[in-house]
Amino acid sequence: MSERRRGHRTRPHTADVRIEAWGPTAEACYEEAVAALVAVFADVTGAPAGVSQRFAVGPGSPERLLVQLVDEVLTGLDADGLVPRAARVEQRGDTLVGELVQVPVGAVRVTGSVAKGVSFQGLRFGPDGRGRWRCRAIVDV
């Protein structure tokens, strides 16, 4: 069975969780990485529409942008109690801009421990040679 053109998954990794995401573009891969991060601790299925909040992260390499995007999500959760149910990402050179469609944490089903951050060890982001972009990160829970 071949993988969908766009998607994500989580896998146990020692005391942490590894997130993996893929998409036809770098932007789609970043969006799926946000979904994978949220899947570590919450089920947003059936959550209300939410409110769009703009973000900008960067500059940095693709891997550093991934870390900054994860930090943006975790900051919103920690500071405002908001969880992204969707992400829209646009890459502009070495920065990312876009929107996180946020819902209150009370509007989602919490399924696990919230991630605390991302490790630079094992961090990957780039084309896979088969027409897709892939990323992998280990998140501390």
Protein backbone atom coordinates (compact mmCIF):
# COMPACT_ATOMS: atom_id res chain seq x y z
CA MET A 1 0.00 0.00 0.00
CA SER A 2 1.46 3.37 -0.95
CA GLU A 3 1.35 6.39 1.32
CA ARG A 4 -1.10 9.18 0.63
CA ARG A 5 0.36 12.18 -1.17
CA ARG A 6 -0.02 14.18 2.05
CA GLY A 7 -0.17 13.00 5.66
CA HIS A 8 1.48 12.49 9.02
CA ARG A 9 2.01 9.96 11.77
CA THR A 10 3.43 9.68 15.25
CA ARG A 11 5.63 6.90 16.59
CA PRO A 12 6.91 6.13 20.06
CA HIS A 13 10.58 6.97 20.56
CA THR A 14 12.13 6.01 23.91
CA ALA A 15 10.52 8.48 26.37
CA ASP A 16 9.61 10.88 23.55
CA VAL A 17 7.49 10.80 20.39
CA ARG A 18 8.70 11.00 16.81
CA ILE A 19 6.51 12.93 14.42
CA GLU A 20 6.73 12.39 10.68
CA ALA A 21 4.98 14.38 7.98
CA TRP A 22 4.95 14.52 4.20
CA GLY A 23 3.38 16.53 1.42
CA PRO A 24 3.73 17.54 -2.23
CA THR A 25 5.27 20.89 -1.22
CA ALA A 26 7.39 22.14 1.66
CA GLU A 27 4.41 24.19 2.84
CA ALA A 28 2.14 21.12 2.92
CA CYS A 29 4.79 19.25 4.86
CA TYR A 30 4.96 22.02 7.49
CA GLU A 31 1.15 21.98 7.74
CA GLU A 32 1.14 18.22 8.25
CA ALA A 33 3.91 18.55 10.86
CA VAL A 34 1.61 20.84 12.87
CA ALA A 35 -1.15 18.21 12.61
CA ALA A 36 1.29 15.50 13.73
CA LEU A 37 2.41 17.58 16.71
CA VAL A 38 -1.20 18.15 17.80
CA ALA A 39 -1.96 14.44 17.35
CA VAL A 40 0.62 13.70 20.06
CA PHE A 41 -1.68 15.15 22.72
CA ALA A 42 -5.12 15.97 21.27
CA ASP A 43 -7.88 14.83 18.95
CA VAL A 44 -9.27 17.90 17.14
CA THR A 45 -11.88 15.91 15.22
CA GLY A 46 -15.22 17.62 15.69
CA ALA A 47 -13.68 20.74 17.24
CA PRO A 48 -15.43 24.04 16.48
CA ALA A 49 -14.35 26.18 13.52
CA GLY A 50 -11.85 28.19 15.56
CA VAL A 51 -10.22 31.56 15.06
CA SER A 52 -7.38 32.25 12.63
CA GLN A 53 -4.23 33.73 14.09
CA ARG A 54 -1.45 34.95 11.84
CA PHE A 55 2.15 33.94 12.50
CA ALA A 56 5.59 34.52 11.06
CA VAL A 57 8.72 32.55 11.96
CA GLY A 58 12.24 32.72 10.69
CA PRO A 59 14.67 33.27 9.27
CA GLY A 60 16.28 29.88 9.23
CA SER A 61 17.04 26.63 7.47
CA PRO A 62 14.08 24.32 6.76
CA GLU A 63 14.85 22.35 9.93
CA ARG A 64 15.14 25.48 12.06
CA LEU A 65 11.85 26.77 10.60
CA LEU A 66 10.21 23.51 11.65
CA VAL A 67 11.47 23.98 15.20
CA GLN A 68 10.28 27.60 15.23
CA LEU A 69 6.85 26.56 13.93
CA VAL A 70 6.55 23.91 16.66
CA ASP A 71 7.58 26.53 19.23
CA GLU A 72 4.87 28.86 17.87
CA VAL A 73 2.24 26.14 18.39
CA LEU A 74 3.49 25.29 21.90
CA THR A 75 3.64 28.96 22.91
CA GLY A 76 0.00 29.44 21.85
CA LEU A 77 -0.99 26.41 23.88
CA ASP A 78 0.98 27.41 26.95
CA ALA A 79 0.19 31.15 26.93
CA ASP A 80 -3.36 31.18 25.59
CA GLY A 81 -4.68 27.62 25.95
CA LEU A 82 -5.18 27.34 22.18
CA VAL A 83 -4.69 24.28 19.97
CA PRO A 84 -4.40 24.45 16.16
CA ARG A 85 -7.04 22.42 14.36
CA ALA A 86 -5.50 23.44 11.02
CA ALA A 87 -2.50 25.32 9.67
CA ARG A 88 -1.94 27.27 6.49
CA VAL A 89 1.72 27.89 5.70
CA GLU A 90 3.44 29.92 3.01
CA GLN A 91 7.20 29.95 2.62
CA ARG A 92 8.81 33.25 1.70
CA GLY A 93 12.51 32.69 1.27
CA ASP A 94 13.88 31.62 4.63
CA THR A 95 10.74 32.52 6.60
CA LEU A 96 7.30 30.99 7.10
CA VAL A 97 4.11 33.00 7.32
CA GLY A 98 0.57 31.81 7.64
CA GLU A 99 -2.35 31.13 9.91
CA LEU A 100 -3.06 28.70 12.68
CA VAL A 101 -6.78 28.00 13.06
CA GLN A 102 -6.96 27.82 16.86
CA VAL A 103 -9.55 26.38 19.24
CA PRO A 104 -9.55 26.40 23.05
CA VAL A 105 -7.94 23.30 24.57
CA GLY A 106 -11.26 22.68 26.36
CA ALA A 107 -12.92 22.17 22.96
CA VAL A 108 -10.72 19.18 22.02
CA ARG A 109 -10.27 15.72 23.46
CA VAL A 110 -6.91 15.57 25.24
CA THR A 111 -5.31 12.20 24.49
CA GLY A 112 -1.80 12.49 25.90
CA SER A 113 0.91 14.63 27.40
CA VAL A 114 1.53 17.96 25.73
CA ALA A 115 4.83 18.24 23.92
CA LYS A 116 7.40 20.47 25.60
CA GLY A 117 9.72 21.06 22.67
CA VAL A 118 11.62 19.61 19.76
CA SER A 119 15.06 18.03 19.71
CA PHE A 120 17.61 19.00 17.08
CA GLN A 121 18.84 15.40 17.19
CA GLY A 122 17.43 13.41 14.28
CA LEU A 123 15.69 16.48 12.84
CA ARG A 124 15.12 16.21 9.09
CA PHE A 125 13.30 18.29 6.48
CA GLY A 126 13.63 18.08 2.70
CA PRO A 127 12.57 16.47 -0.57
CA ASP A 128 12.43 12.68 -0.58
CA GLY A 129 13.38 12.13 -4.24
CA ARG A 130 9.88 10.83 -5.05
CA GLY A 131 8.12 14.14 -5.55
CA ARG A 132 7.28 14.74 -1.90
CA TRP A 133 8.70 16.71 0.98
CA ARG A 134 9.27 14.88 4.27
CA CYS A 135 10.14 15.87 7.78
CA ARG A 136 10.88 14.06 10.99
CA ALA A 137 11.36 15.40 14.49
CA ILE A 138 11.54 14.03 18.01
CA VAL A 139 9.31 15.89 20.44
CA ASP A 140 9.83 15.87 24.18
CA VAL A 141 6.65 15.02 26.08
